[in-house]
PDB file of N, CA and C in Angstrom:
ATOM      1  N   MET A   1       0.558  -1.184  -0.280  1.00  0.00           N
ATOM      2  CA  MET A   1       0.220   0.027  -0.244  1.00  0.00           C
ATOM      3  C   MET A   1       1.067   1.227  -0.085  1.00  0.00           C
ATOM      4  N   ARG A   2       2.151   1.106   0.689  1.00  0.00           N
ATOM      5  CA  ARG A   2       2.624   2.067   1.013  1.00  0.00           C
ATOM      6  C   ARG A   2       3.445   2.656  -0.772  1.00  0.00           C
ATOM      7  N   ARG A   3       3.845   1.714  -1.063  1.00  0.00           N
ATOM      8  CA  ARG A   3       4.583   1.592  -2.558  1.00  0.00           C
ATOM      9  C   ARG A   3       3.400   2.637  -3.676  1.00  0.00           C
ATOM     10  N   VAL A   4       2.541   1.857  -3.458  1.00  0.00           N
ATOM     11  CA  VAL A   4       1.710   2.393  -4.449  1.00  0.00           C
ATOM     12  C   VAL A   4       1.121   4.014  -4.110  1.00  0.00           C
ATOM     13  N   LEU A   5       1.139   4.426  -2.837  1.00  0.00           N
ATOM     14  CA  LEU A   5       1.433   5.950  -2.587  1.00  0.00           C
ATOM     15  C   LEU A   5       2.178   6.554  -2.882  1.00  0.00           C
ATOM     16  N   LYS A   6       3.218   6.436  -2.786  1.00  0.00           N
ATOM     17  CA  LYS A   6       4.636   6.735  -3.164  1.00  0.00           C
ATOM     18  C   LYS A   6       4.438   6.987  -4.829  1.00  0.00           C
ATOM     19  N   ILE A   7       4.024   6.046  -5.501  1.00  0.00           N
ATOM     20  CA  ILE A   7       4.398   5.964  -6.976  1.00  0.00           C
ATOM     21  C   ILE A   7       3.457   6.874  -7.546  1.00  0.00           C
ATOM     22  N   THR A   8       1.786   6.868  -6.561  1.00  0.00           N
ATOM     23  CA  THR A   8       0.806   8.098  -6.924  1.00  0.00           C
ATOM     24  C   THR A   8       1.442   9.547  -6.916  1.00  0.00           C
ATOM     25  N   PHE A   9       1.785   9.456  -5.646  1.00  0.00           N
ATOM     26  CA  PHE A   9       2.821  10.954  -5.454  1.00  0.00           C
ATOM     27  C   PHE A   9       3.521  11.226  -6.301  1.00  0.00           C
ATOM     28  N   ALA A  10       4.537  10.429  -6.939  1.00  0.00           N
ATOM     29  CA  ALA A  10       5.580  10.964  -7.757  1.00  0.00           C
ATOM     30  C   ALA A  10       4.827  11.118  -9.103  1.00  0.00           C
ATOM     31  N   LEU A  11       4.134  10.289  -9.085  1.00  0.00           N
ATOM     32  CA  LEU A  11       3.158  10.890 -10.723  1.00  0.00           C
ATOM     33  C   LEU A  11       2.723  11.997 -10.803  1.00  0.00           C
ATOM     34  N   THR A  12       1.939  12.127  -9.502  1.00  0.00           N
ATOM     35  CA  THR A  12       1.059  13.401  -9.686  1.00  0.00           C
ATOM     36  C   THR A  12       2.197  14.442  -9.640  1.00  0.00           C
ATOM     37  N   LEU A  13       3.371  14.497  -8.772  1.00  0.00           N
ATOM     38  CA  LEU A  13       4.376  15.733  -8.661  1.00  0.00           C
ATOM     39  C   LEU A  13       5.005  15.677 -10.581  1.00  0.00           C
ATOM     40  N   VAL A  14       5.315  14.687 -11.008  1.00  0.00           N
ATOM     41  CA  VAL A  14       5.893  14.528 -12.185  1.00  0.00           C
ATOM     42  C   VAL A  14       4.409  15.745 -13.318  1.00  0.00           C
ATOM     43  N   ALA A  15       3.171  15.033 -12.909  1.00  0.00           N
ATOM     44  CA  ALA A  15       2.382  16.014 -13.581  1.00  0.00           C
ATOM     45  C   ALA A  15       2.092  17.360 -13.865  1.00  0.00           C
ATOM     46  N   LEU A  16       2.175  17.600 -12.087  1.00  0.00           N
ATOM     47  CA  LEU A  16       2.107  19.062 -11.999  1.00  0.00           C
ATOM     48  C   LEU A  16       3.309  19.609 -12.584  1.00  0.00           C
ATOM     49  N   ILE A  17       4.391  19.273 -12.448  1.00  0.00           N
ATOM     50  CA  ILE A  17       5.937  19.930 -12.736  1.00  0.00           C
ATOM     51  C   ILE A  17       5.217  20.257 -14.487  1.00  0.00           C
ATOM     52  N   MET A  18       5.251  19.206 -14.970  1.00  0.00           N
ATOM     53  CA  MET A  18       4.942  19.285 -16.690  1.00  0.00           C
ATOM     54  C   MET A  18       3.757  20.132 -16.933  1.00  0.00           C
ATOM     55  N   ALA A  19       2.797  20.228 -16.042  1.00  0.00           N
ATOM     56  CA  ALA A  19       1.908  21.293 -16.361  1.00  0.00           C
ATOM     57  C   ALA A  19       2.208  22.287 -16.226  1.00  0.00           C
ATOM     58  N   ALA A  20       2.797  22.651 -14.788  1.00  0.00           N
ATOM     59  CA  ALA A  20       3.418  24.235 -14.903  1.00  0.00           C
ATOM     60  C   ALA A  20       4.334  24.803 -16.056  1.00  0.00           C
ATOM     61  N   SER A  21       5.285  23.650 -16.183  1.00  0.00           N
ATOM     62  CA  SER A  21       6.165  23.989 -17.423  1.00  0.00           C
ATOM     63  C   SER A  21       5.617  24.489 -18.953  1.00  0.00           C
ATOM     64  N   CYS A  22       4.186  24.181 -19.111  1.00  0.00           N
ATOM     65  CA  CYS A  22       3.428  24.562 -20.396  1.00  0.00           C
ATOM     66  C   CYS A  22       2.576  26.004 -20.057  1.00  0.00           C
ATOM     67  N   VAL A  23       2.927  26.610 -19.021  1.00  0.00           N
ATOM     68  CA  VAL A  23       2.170  27.785 -18.984  1.00  0.00           C
ATOM     69  C   VAL A  23       3.138  29.114 -19.651  1.00  0.00           C
ATOM     70  N   CYS A  24       2.501  29.901 -20.362  1.00  0.00           N
ATOM     71  CA  CYS A  24       3.488  30.803 -20.776  1.00  0.00           C
ATOM     72  C   CYS A  24       3.362  32.130 -20.051  1.00  0.00           C
ATOM     73  N   ALA A  25       4.757  32.333 -19.567  1.00  0.00           N
ATOM     74  CA  ALA A  25       4.686  33.512 -18.660  1.00  0.00           C
ATOM     75  C   ALA A  25       4.797  35.005 -19.978  1.00  0.00           C
ATOM     76  N   PHE A  26       3.959  35.848 -18.873  1.00  0.00           N
ATOM     77  CA  PHE A  26       3.842  37.139 -20.084  1.00  0.00           C
ATOM     78  C   PHE A  26       4.811  38.285 -19.108  1.00  0.00           C
ATOM     79  N   ALA A  27       5.962  38.331 -19.511  1.00  0.00           N
ATOM     80  CA  ALA A  27       6.285  39.371 -18.837  1.00  0.00           C
ATOM     81  C   ALA A  27       5.679  41.056 -19.069  1.00  0.00           C
ATOM     82  N   ALA A  28       6.100  41.841 -18.558  1.00  0.00           N
ATOM     83  CA  ALA A  28       5.619  43.449 -18.245  1.00  0.00           C
ATOM     84  C   ALA A  28       6.511  44.029 -19.330  1.00  0.00           C
ATOM     85  N   LYS A  29       6.153  45.155 -20.439  1.00  0.00           N
ATOM     86  CA  LYS A  29       6.570  45.654 -21.253  1.00  0.00           C
ATOM     87  C   LYS A  29       8.227  46.163 -20.434  1.00  0.00           C
ATOM     88  N   GLU A  30       8.933  46.446 -20.956  1.00  0.00           N
ATOM     89  CA  GLU A  30      10.065  46.920 -20.706  1.00  0.00           C
ATOM     90  C   GLU A  30      10.691  48.377 -21.301  1.00  0.00           C
ATOM     91  N   GLU A  31      10.272  49.605 -20.638  1.00  0.00           N
ATOM     92  CA  GLU A  31      10.287  50.792 -21.149  1.00  0.00           C
ATOM     93  C   GLU A  31      11.564  51.520 -20.662  1.00  0.00           C
ATOM     94  N   ILE A  32      11.937  52.375 -20.877  1.00  0.00           N
ATOM     95  CA  ILE A  32      13.081  53.104 -20.549  1.00  0.00           C
ATOM     96  C   ILE A  32      12.198  54.772 -20.871  1.00  0.00           C
ATOM     97  N   THR A  33      13.180  55.813 -20.208  1.00  0.00           N
ATOM     98  CA  THR A  33      12.738  57.043 -20.923  1.00  0.00           C
ATOM     99  C   THR A  33      13.750  57.545 -21.161  1.00  0.00           C
ATOM    100  N   VAL A  34      14.206  58.431 -22.308  1.00  0.00           N
ATOM    101  CA  VAL A  34      14.822  58.961 -22.959  1.00  0.00           C
ATOM    102  C   VAL A  34      14.627  60.607 -22.734  1.00  0.00           C
ATOM    103  N   ASN A  35      15.556  61.502 -22.184  1.00  0.00           N
ATOM    104  CA  ASN A  35      14.935  62.777 -22.527  1.00  0.00           C
ATOM    105  C   ASN A  35      13.333  63.401 -22.418  1.00  0.00           C
ATOM    106  N   GLY A  36      12.598  62.580 -21.727  1.00  0.00           N
ATOM    107  CA  GLY A  36      11.259  62.764 -21.538  1.00  0.00           C
ATOM    108  C   GLY A  36      10.819  61.867 -22.372  1.00  0.00           C
ATOM    109  N   ALA A  37      11.237  61.431 -23.509  1.00  0.00           N
ATOM    110  CA  ALA A  37      10.122  60.480 -24.278  1.00  0.00           C
ATOM    111  C   ALA A  37      10.668  59.076 -23.684  1.00  0.00           C
ATOM    112  N   THR A  38       9.571  58.218 -23.958  1.00  0.00           N
ATOM    113  CA  THR A  38       9.249  56.717 -23.544  1.00  0.00           C
ATOM    114  C   THR A  38       9.734  56.124 -24.786  1.00  0.00           C
ATOM    115  N   ALA A  39      10.480  54.685 -24.517  1.00  0.00           N
ATOM    116  CA  ALA A  39      10.790  54.179 -25.779  1.00  0.00           C
ATOM    117  C   ALA A  39      10.852  52.297 -24.866  1.00  0.00           C
ATOM    118  N   GLU A  40      10.284  51.637 -25.526  1.00  0.00           N
ATOM    119  CA  GLU A  40       9.823  49.914 -25.277  1.00  0.00           C
ATOM    120  C   GLU A  40      11.259  49.468 -25.945  1.00  0.00           C
ATOM    121  N   VAL A  41      11.266  48.208 -25.527  1.00  0.00           N
ATOM    122  CA  VAL A  41      12.255  47.291 -26.132  1.00  0.00           C
ATOM    123  C   VAL A  41      12.809  47.176 -27.824  1.00  0.00           C
ATOM    124  N   GLY A  42      13.502  47.073 -28.173  1.00  0.00           N
ATOM    125  CA  GLY A  42      13.392  47.392 -30.028  1.00  0.00           C
ATOM    126  C   GLY A  42      12.912  48.387 -30.740  1.00  0.00           C
ATOM    127  N   ASP A  43      12.948  49.513 -29.738  1.00  0.00           N
ATOM    128  CA  ASP A  43      12.712  50.654 -30.532  1.00  0.00           C
ATOM    129  C   ASP A  43      13.484  51.382 -30.894  1.00  0.00           C
ATOM    130  N   ILE A  44      13.835  51.868 -31.751  1.00  0.00           N
ATOM    131  CA  ILE A  44      14.922  53.028 -32.238  1.00  0.00           C
ATOM    132  C   ILE A  44      14.944  54.751 -31.891  1.00  0.00           C
ATOM    133  N   VAL A  45      15.753  54.773 -31.121  1.00  0.00           N
ATOM    134  CA  VAL A  45      15.921  56.335 -30.178  1.00  0.00           C
ATOM    135  C   VAL A  45      16.665  57.046 -31.047  1.00  0.00           C
ATOM    136  N   THR A  46      16.564  58.524 -31.454  1.00  0.00           N
ATOM    137  CA  THR A  46      17.347  59.058 -32.559  1.00  0.00           C
ATOM    138  C   THR A  46      17.798  59.957 -31.647  1.00  0.00           C
ATOM    139  N   TYR A  47      18.792  60.604 -31.960  1.00  0.00           N
ATOM    140  CA  TYR A  47      18.790  61.982 -31.101  1.00  0.00           C
ATOM    141  C   TYR A  47      19.663  62.987 -32.162  1.00  0.00           C
ATOM    142  N   SER A  48      19.224  63.931 -32.321  1.00  0.00           N
ATOM    143  CA  SER A  48      19.484  65.174 -33.498  1.00  0.00           C
ATOM    144  C   SER A  48      20.229  66.251 -32.566  1.00  0.00           C
ATOM    145  N   LEU A  49      20.763  66.907 -33.011  1.00  0.00           N
ATOM    146  CA  LEU A  49      21.491  68.192 -32.428  1.00  0.00           C
ATOM    147  C   LEU A  49      20.830  69.175 -33.281  1.00  0.00           C
ATOM    148  N   ASN A  50      20.388  70.402 -33.045  1.00  0.00           N
ATOM    149  CA  ASN A  50      19.445  71.454 -33.851  1.00  0.00           C
ATOM    150  C   ASN A  50      20.162  72.469 -33.043  1.00  0.00           C
ATOM    151  N   LEU A  51      21.543  73.301 -34.066  1.00  0.00           N
ATOM    152  CA  LEU A  51      22.155  74.519 -33.893  1.00  0.00           C
ATOM    153  C   LEU A  51      21.526  75.465 -34.772  1.00  0.00           C
ATOM    154  N   SER A  52      20.057  75.584 -35.245  1.00  0.00           N
ATOM    155  CA  SER A  52      19.760  76.555 -36.062  1.00  0.00           C
ATOM    156  C   SER A  52      19.208  77.995 -35.290  1.00  0.00           C
ATOM    157  N   ASP A  53      19.525  77.763 -34.086  1.00  0.00           N
ATOM    158  CA  ASP A  53      19.403  79.096 -33.174  1.00  0.00           C
ATOM    159  C   ASP A  53      20.993  79.908 -32.563  1.00  0.00           C
ATOM    160  N   CYS A  54      22.010  79.250 -33.399  1.00  0.00           N
ATOM    161  CA  CYS A  54      23.061  80.187 -33.886  1.00  0.00           C
ATOM    162  C   CYS A  54      23.156  81.297 -34.404  1.00  0.00           C
ATOM    163  N   THR A  55      23.800  82.608 -33.921  1.00  0.00           N
ATOM    164  CA  THR A  55      23.394  83.845 -34.673  1.00  0.00           C
ATOM    165  C   THR A  55      24.879  83.458 -35.861  1.00  0.00           C
ATOM    166  N   GLU A  56      26.019  83.246 -35.288  1.00  0.00           N
ATOM    167  CA  GLU A  56      27.273  83.606 -36.498  1.00  0.00           C
ATOM    168  C   GLU A  56      27.719  82.046 -36.344  1.00  0.00           C
ATOM    169  N   ASN A  57      28.137  81.629 -37.596  1.00  0.00           N
ATOM    170  CA  ASN A  57      28.622  80.461 -37.938  1.00  0.00           C
ATOM    171  C   ASN A  57      29.429  79.877 -36.713  1.00  0.00           C
ATOM    172  N   VAL A  58      29.610  78.481 -37.328  1.00  0.00           N
ATOM    173  CA  VAL A  58      30.318  77.578 -35.901  1.00  0.00           C
ATOM    174  C   VAL A  58      32.023  77.137 -36.648  1.00  0.00           C
ATOM    175  N   GLU A  59      32.867  77.261 -36.131  1.00  0.00           N
ATOM    176  CA  GLU A  59      34.297  76.874 -36.028  1.00  0.00           C
ATOM    177  C   GLU A  59      34.728  76.194 -35.722  1.00  0.00           C
ATOM    178  N   GLY A  60      33.957  75.434 -34.325  1.00  0.00           N
ATOM    179  CA  GLY A  60      34.236  73.776 -34.049  1.00  0.00           C
ATOM    180  C   GLY A  60      33.516  73.815 -32.861  1.00  0.00           C
ATOM    181  N   LEU A  61      33.293  72.398 -32.520  1.00  0.00           N
ATOM    182  CA  LEU A  61      32.425  71.664 -31.533  1.00  0.00           C
ATOM    183  C   LEU A  61      33.131  70.409 -31.067  1.00  0.00           C
ATOM    184  N   GLN A  62      32.880  70.028 -29.674  1.00  0.00           N
ATOM    185  CA  GLN A  62      32.948  69.295 -29.080  1.00  0.00           C
ATOM    186  C   GLN A  62      31.840  68.950 -27.931  1.00  0.00           C
ATOM    187  N   MET A  63      31.711  67.637 -28.510  1.00  0.00           N
ATOM    188  CA  MET A  63      30.172  67.209 -28.000  1.00  0.00           C
ATOM    189  C   MET A  63      30.784  65.827 -27.417  1.00  0.00           C
ATOM    190  N   TYR A  64      29.972  65.336 -25.963  1.00  0.00           N
ATOM    191  CA  TYR A  64      29.888  63.823 -25.377  1.00  0.00           C
ATOM    192  C   TYR A  64      28.342  63.842 -25.468  1.00  0.00           C
ATOM    193  N   VAL A  65      28.295  62.430 -25.665  1.00  0.00           N
ATOM    194  CA  VAL A  65      27.006  61.689 -25.797  1.00  0.00           C
ATOM    195  C   VAL A  65      27.015  60.452 -24.676  1.00  0.00           C
ATOM    196  N   VAL A  66      26.397  60.907 -23.419  1.00  0.00           N
ATOM    197  CA  VAL A  66      26.476  59.877 -22.139  1.00  0.00           C
ATOM    198  C   VAL A  66      25.095  59.157 -22.526  1.00  0.00           C
ATOM    199  N   TYR A  67      25.393  57.612 -22.149  1.00  0.00           N
ATOM    200  CA  TYR A  67      24.203  57.161 -22.382  1.00  0.00           C
ATOM    201  C   TYR A  67      24.398  55.719 -21.473  1.00  0.00           C
ATOM    202  N   ASP A  68      23.402  55.044 -21.406  1.00  0.00           N
ATOM    203  CA  ASP A  68      23.195  53.768 -20.611  1.00  0.00           C
ATOM    204  C   ASP A  68      23.319  52.685 -21.199  1.00  0.00           C
ATOM    205  N   SER A  69      24.517  51.907 -21.616  1.00  0.00           N
ATOM    206  CA  SER A  69      24.412  51.011 -22.501  1.00  0.00           C
ATOM    207  C   SER A  69      23.733  49.488 -21.967  1.00  0.00           C
ATOM    208  N   LYS A  70      23.334  49.083 -20.956  1.00  0.00           N
ATOM    209  CA  LYS A  70      22.389  48.537 -20.340  1.00  0.00           C
ATOM    210  C   LYS A  70      20.819  48.374 -21.184  1.00  0.00           C
ATOM    211  N   SER A  71      20.807  49.824 -21.264  1.00  0.00           N
ATOM    212  CA  SER A  71      19.422  50.000 -21.566  1.00  0.00           C
ATOM    213  C   SER A  71      19.198  50.400 -23.303  1.00  0.00           C
ATOM    214  N   LEU A  72      20.688  51.126 -23.449  1.00  0.00           N
ATOM    215  CA  LEU A  72      20.638  51.473 -25.020  1.00  0.00           C
ATOM    216  C   LEU A  72      21.472  50.778 -26.146  1.00  0.00           C
ATOM    217  N   LYS A  73      21.821  50.582 -27.267  1.00  0.00           N
ATOM    218  CA  LYS A  73      22.253  49.982 -27.808  1.00  0.00           C
ATOM    219  C   LYS A  73      22.891  51.007 -28.955  1.00  0.00           C
ATOM    220  N   LEU A  74      23.994  51.274 -29.308  1.00  0.00           N
ATOM    221  CA  LEU A  74      24.519  52.091 -30.029  1.00  0.00           C
ATOM    222  C   LEU A  74      24.638  51.511 -31.762  1.00  0.00           C
ATOM    223  N   ASP A  75      23.814  52.235 -32.553  1.00  0.00           N
ATOM    224  CA  ASP A  75      24.208  51.340 -34.273  1.00  0.00           C
ATOM    225  C   ASP A  75      25.074  52.619 -34.817  1.00  0.00           C
ATOM    226  N   GLU A  76      26.427  51.782 -34.368  1.00  0.00           N
ATOM    227  CA  GLU A  76      27.542  52.742 -35.207  1.00  0.00           C
ATOM    228  C   GLU A  76      27.494  53.706 -36.465  1.00  0.00           C
ATOM    229  N   ASP A  77      26.783  52.792 -37.389  1.00  0.00           N
ATOM    230  CA  ASP A  77      26.847  53.079 -38.740  1.00  0.00           C
ATOM    231  C   ASP A  77      25.525  54.331 -39.144  1.00  0.00           C
ATOM    232  N   SER A  78      24.887  54.576 -37.918  1.00  0.00           N
ATOM    233  CA  SER A  78      23.740  55.378 -37.753  1.00  0.00           C
ATOM    234  C   SER A  78      24.327  56.662 -37.944  1.00  0.00           C
ATOM    235  N   LEU A  79      25.597  57.395 -37.271  1.00  0.00           N
ATOM    236  CA  LEU A  79      26.124  58.494 -36.924  1.00  0.00           C
ATOM    237  C   LEU A  79      26.235  59.473 -38.634  1.00  0.00           C
ATOM    238  N   GLU A  80      25.600  60.631 -38.352  1.00  0.00           N
ATOM    239  CA  GLU A  80      25.441  61.161 -39.372  1.00  0.00           C
ATOM    240  C   GLU A  80      26.238  62.912 -39.370  1.00  0.00           C
ATOM    241  N   PHE A  81      26.738  63.332 -39.981  1.00  0.00           N
ATOM    242  CA  PHE A  81      26.926  64.714 -39.878  1.00  0.00           C
ATOM    243  C   PHE A  81      26.988  65.663 -41.130  1.00  0.00           C
ATOM    244  N   PRO A  82      25.835  65.702 -41.400  1.00  0.00           N
ATOM    245  CA  PRO A  82      25.362  66.390 -42.800  1.00  0.00           C
ATOM    246  C   PRO A  82      25.957  67.838 -43.177  1.00  0.00           C
ATOM    247  N   LYS A  83      26.345  68.700 -42.330  1.00  0.00           N
ATOM    248  CA  LYS A  83      26.999  69.909 -42.279  1.00  0.00           C
ATOM    249  C   LYS A  83      28.422  69.801 -42.222  1.00  0.00           C
ATOM    250  N   LEU A  84      28.722  68.716 -41.292  1.00  0.00           N
ATOM    251  CA  LEU A  84      30.488  68.922 -40.884  1.00  0.00           C
ATOM    252  C   LEU A  84      31.059  68.153 -41.552  1.00  0.00           C
ATOM    253  N   ASN A  85      32.466  68.528 -42.260  1.00  0.00           N
ATOM    254  CA  ASN A  85      33.346  67.279 -43.326  1.00  0.00           C
ATOM    255  C   ASN A  85      34.583  67.025 -42.008  1.00  0.00           C
ATOM    256  N   GLY A  86      34.966  65.691 -41.862  1.00  0.00           N
ATOM    257  CA  GLY A  86      36.183  65.408 -40.698  1.00  0.00           C
ATOM    258  C   GLY A  86      35.912  65.604 -39.295  1.00  0.00           C
ATOM    259  N   VAL A  87      34.513  65.189 -38.797  1.00  0.00           N
ATOM    260  CA  VAL A  87      34.210  64.746 -37.334  1.00  0.00           C
ATOM    261  C   VAL A  87      35.213  63.744 -37.378  1.00  0.00           C
ATOM    262  N   VAL A  88      35.535  63.459 -35.944  1.00  0.00           N
ATOM    263  CA  VAL A  88      36.245  62.688 -35.278  1.00  0.00           C
ATOM    264  C   VAL A  88      35.298  62.395 -34.142  1.00  0.00           C
ATOM    265  N   SER A  89      35.122  61.187 -34.185  1.00  0.00           N
ATOM    266  CA  SER A  89      34.041  60.875 -33.358  1.00  0.00           C
ATOM    267  C   SER A  89      34.472  59.385 -32.693  1.00  0.00           C
ATOM    268  N   ASN A  90      34.431  58.948 -31.347  1.00  0.00           N
ATOM    269  CA  ASN A  90      34.861  57.531 -30.863  1.00  0.00           C
ATOM    270  C   ASN A  90      33.501  57.361 -30.152  1.00  0.00           C
ATOM    271  N   THR A  91      33.344  55.717 -30.777  1.00  0.00           N
ATOM    272  CA  THR A  91      31.978  55.312 -30.607  1.00  0.00           C
ATOM    273  C   THR A  91      32.695  54.000 -29.885  1.00  0.00           C
ATOM    274  N   LYS A  92      33.554  53.666 -29.906  1.00  0.00           N
ATOM    275  CA  LYS A  92      34.162  52.421 -28.714  1.00  0.00           C
ATOM    276  C   LYS A  92      34.304  52.368 -27.408  1.00  0.00           C
ATOM    277  N   LEU A  93      33.896  53.774 -26.383  1.00  0.00           N
ATOM    278  CA  LEU A  93      34.353  53.964 -25.103  1.00  0.00           C
ATOM    279  C   LEU A  93      32.756  53.600 -24.640  1.00  0.00           C
ATOM    280  N   GLU A  94      32.679  53.039 -23.396  1.00  0.00           N
ATOM    281  CA  GLU A  94      31.436  52.516 -22.851  1.00  0.00           C
ATOM    282  C   GLU A  94      30.902  53.383 -22.178  1.00  0.00           C
ATOM    283  N   ASN A  95      29.194  53.485 -22.636  1.00  0.00           N
ATOM    284  CA  ASN A  95      28.271  54.869 -21.826  1.00  0.00           C
ATOM    285  C   ASN A  95      28.311  55.931 -22.436  1.00  0.00           C
ATOM    286  N   ILE A  96      29.280  56.400 -23.640  1.00  0.00           N
ATOM    287  CA  ILE A  96      29.830  57.491 -24.186  1.00  0.00           C
ATOM    288  C   ILE A  96      30.040  57.546 -25.306  1.00  0.00           C
ATOM    289  N   ILE A  97      29.436  58.628 -26.329  1.00  0.00           N
ATOM    290  CA  ILE A  97      30.209  59.317 -26.974  1.00  0.00           C
ATOM    291  C   ILE A  97      30.613  60.213 -27.426  1.00  0.00           C
ATOM    292  N   THR A  98      31.751  60.757 -27.966  1.00  0.00           N
ATOM    293  CA  THR A  98      32.427  61.944 -28.045  1.00  0.00           C
ATOM    294  C   THR A  98      32.576  62.044 -29.617  1.00  0.00           C
ATOM    295  N   PHE A  99      32.403  63.263 -29.959  1.00  0.00           N
ATOM    296  CA  PHE A  99      32.660  64.023 -30.934  1.00  0.00           C
ATOM    297  C   PHE A  99      33.921  65.388 -30.697  1.00  0.00           C
ATOM    298  N   ASN A 100      34.223  65.578 -32.031  1.00  0.00           N
ATOM    299  CA  ASN A 100      35.060  66.732 -32.286  1.00  0.00           C
ATOM    300  C   ASN A 100      34.757  67.009 -33.518  1.00  0.00           C
ATOM    301  N   TRP A 101      35.334  68.578 -33.661  1.00  0.00           N
ATOM    302  CA  TRP A 101      35.368  68.857 -35.019  1.00  0.00           C
ATOM    303  C   TRP A 101      35.669  70.547 -35.072  1.00  0.00           C
ATOM    304  N   THR A 102      36.593  70.972 -36.104  1.00  0.00           N
ATOM    305  CA  THR A 102      37.478  71.989 -35.974  1.00  0.00           C
ATOM    306  C   THR A 102      37.443  72.664 -36.988  1.00  0.00           C
ATOM    307  N   ASP A 103      36.878  73.390 -38.280  1.00  0.00           N
ATOM    308  CA  ASP A 103      37.681  73.614 -39.042  1.00  0.00           C
ATOM    309  C   ASP A 103      36.977  75.688 -39.270  1.00  0.00           C
ATOM    310  N   VAL A 104      38.687  76.222 -39.094  1.00  0.00           N
ATOM    311  CA  VAL A 104      38.248  77.635 -39.176  1.00  0.00           C
ATOM    312  C   VAL A 104      38.338  78.444 -40.526  1.00  0.00           C
ATOM    313  N   GLN A 105      39.103  77.928 -41.458  1.00  0.00           N
ATOM    314  CA  GLN A 105      38.611  77.998 -42.468  1.00  0.00           C
ATOM    315  C   GLN A 105      37.055  77.902 -43.719  1.00  0.00           C
ATOM    316  N   ASN A 106      36.515  76.589 -43.203  1.00  0.00           N
ATOM    317  CA  ASN A 106      35.446  76.460 -43.653  1.00  0.00           C
ATOM    318  C   ASN A 106      33.960  76.377 -42.665  1.00  0.00           C
ATOM    319  N   THR A 107      33.930  77.534 -42.132  1.00  0.00           N
ATOM    320  CA  THR A 107      32.773  77.218 -40.896  1.00  0.00           C
ATOM    321  C   THR A 107      31.532  76.698 -41.101  1.00  0.00           C
ATOM    322  N   ALA A 108      30.760  76.120 -40.353  1.00  0.00           N
ATOM    323  CA  ALA A 108      29.480  75.773 -40.343  1.00  0.00           C
ATOM    324  C   ALA A 108      28.504  77.147 -39.944  1.00  0.00           C
ATOM    325  N   ASP A 109      27.102  76.393 -40.934  1.00  0.00           N
ATOM    326  CA  ASP A 109      26.383  77.670 -41.436  1.00  0.00           C
ATOM    327  C   ASP A 109      25.473  77.029 -40.811  1.00  0.00           C
ATOM    328  N   PHE A 110      24.440  76.924 -39.359  1.00  0.00           N
ATOM    329  CA  PHE A 110      23.572  76.572 -39.084  1.00  0.00           C
ATOM    330  C   PHE A 110      22.209  77.487 -38.928  1.00  0.00           C
ATOM    331  N   LYS A 111      22.529  78.892 -39.442  1.00  0.00           N
ATOM    332  CA  LYS A 111      21.601  79.693 -38.881  1.00  0.00           C
ATOM    333  C   LYS A 111      20.194  78.902 -40.118  1.00  0.00           C
ATOM    334  N   ARG A 112      19.303  79.366 -39.165  1.00  0.00           N
ATOM    335  CA  ARG A 112      17.737  79.147 -39.529  1.00  0.00           C
ATOM    336  C   ARG A 112      17.519  80.228 -40.802  1.00  0.00           C
ATOM    337  N   ARG A 113      16.806  79.679 -41.605  1.00  0.00           N
ATOM    338  CA  ARG A 113      16.796  80.735 -43.210  1.00  0.00           C
ATOM    339  C   ARG A 113      14.956  80.864 -42.792  1.00  0.00           C
ATOM    340  N   ALA A 114      15.130  82.329 -43.270  1.00  0.00           N
ATOM    341  CA  ALA A 114      13.365  82.021 -43.540  1.00  0.00           C
ATOM    342  C   ALA A 114      12.760  81.708 -44.797  1.00  0.00           C
ATOM    343  N   ARG A 115      11.521  81.089 -44.654  1.00  0.00           N
ATOM    344  CA  ARG A 115      11.107  80.487 -46.444  1.00  0.00           C
ATOM    345  C   ARG A 115      10.123  81.383 -46.655  1.00  0.00           C
ATOM    346  N   LEU A 116      10.193  81.651 -47.572  1.00  0.00           N
ATOM    347  CA  LEU A 116       9.038  82.080 -48.330  1.00  0.00           C
ATOM    348  C   LEU A 116       7.696  81.815 -49.021  1.00  0.00           C
TER     349      LEU A 116
END
């Protein structure tokens, strides 16, 4: 009789474990906040620097973009500098991207132009 109870108990336990392993787990959406905007896992976050309020041409700039590499992954091929030639950037550092550009003979004009 004892042996029957042990076998029944063991089979019941195995059946419960198998049933529990088939249950799907639903995780909550993982969200982060970047500069006040909410992004979910898989979203692409774009950071644009707008210098249209500059009243004079720019001769050089140095910038650091600090981010959390646990939450964001950098797409190194997406870095663009449409108005600047010869930008030096370092994307190999952890949690920070550095940029540097200087050209005193070919300054960059970011001034906003009125549209007619």
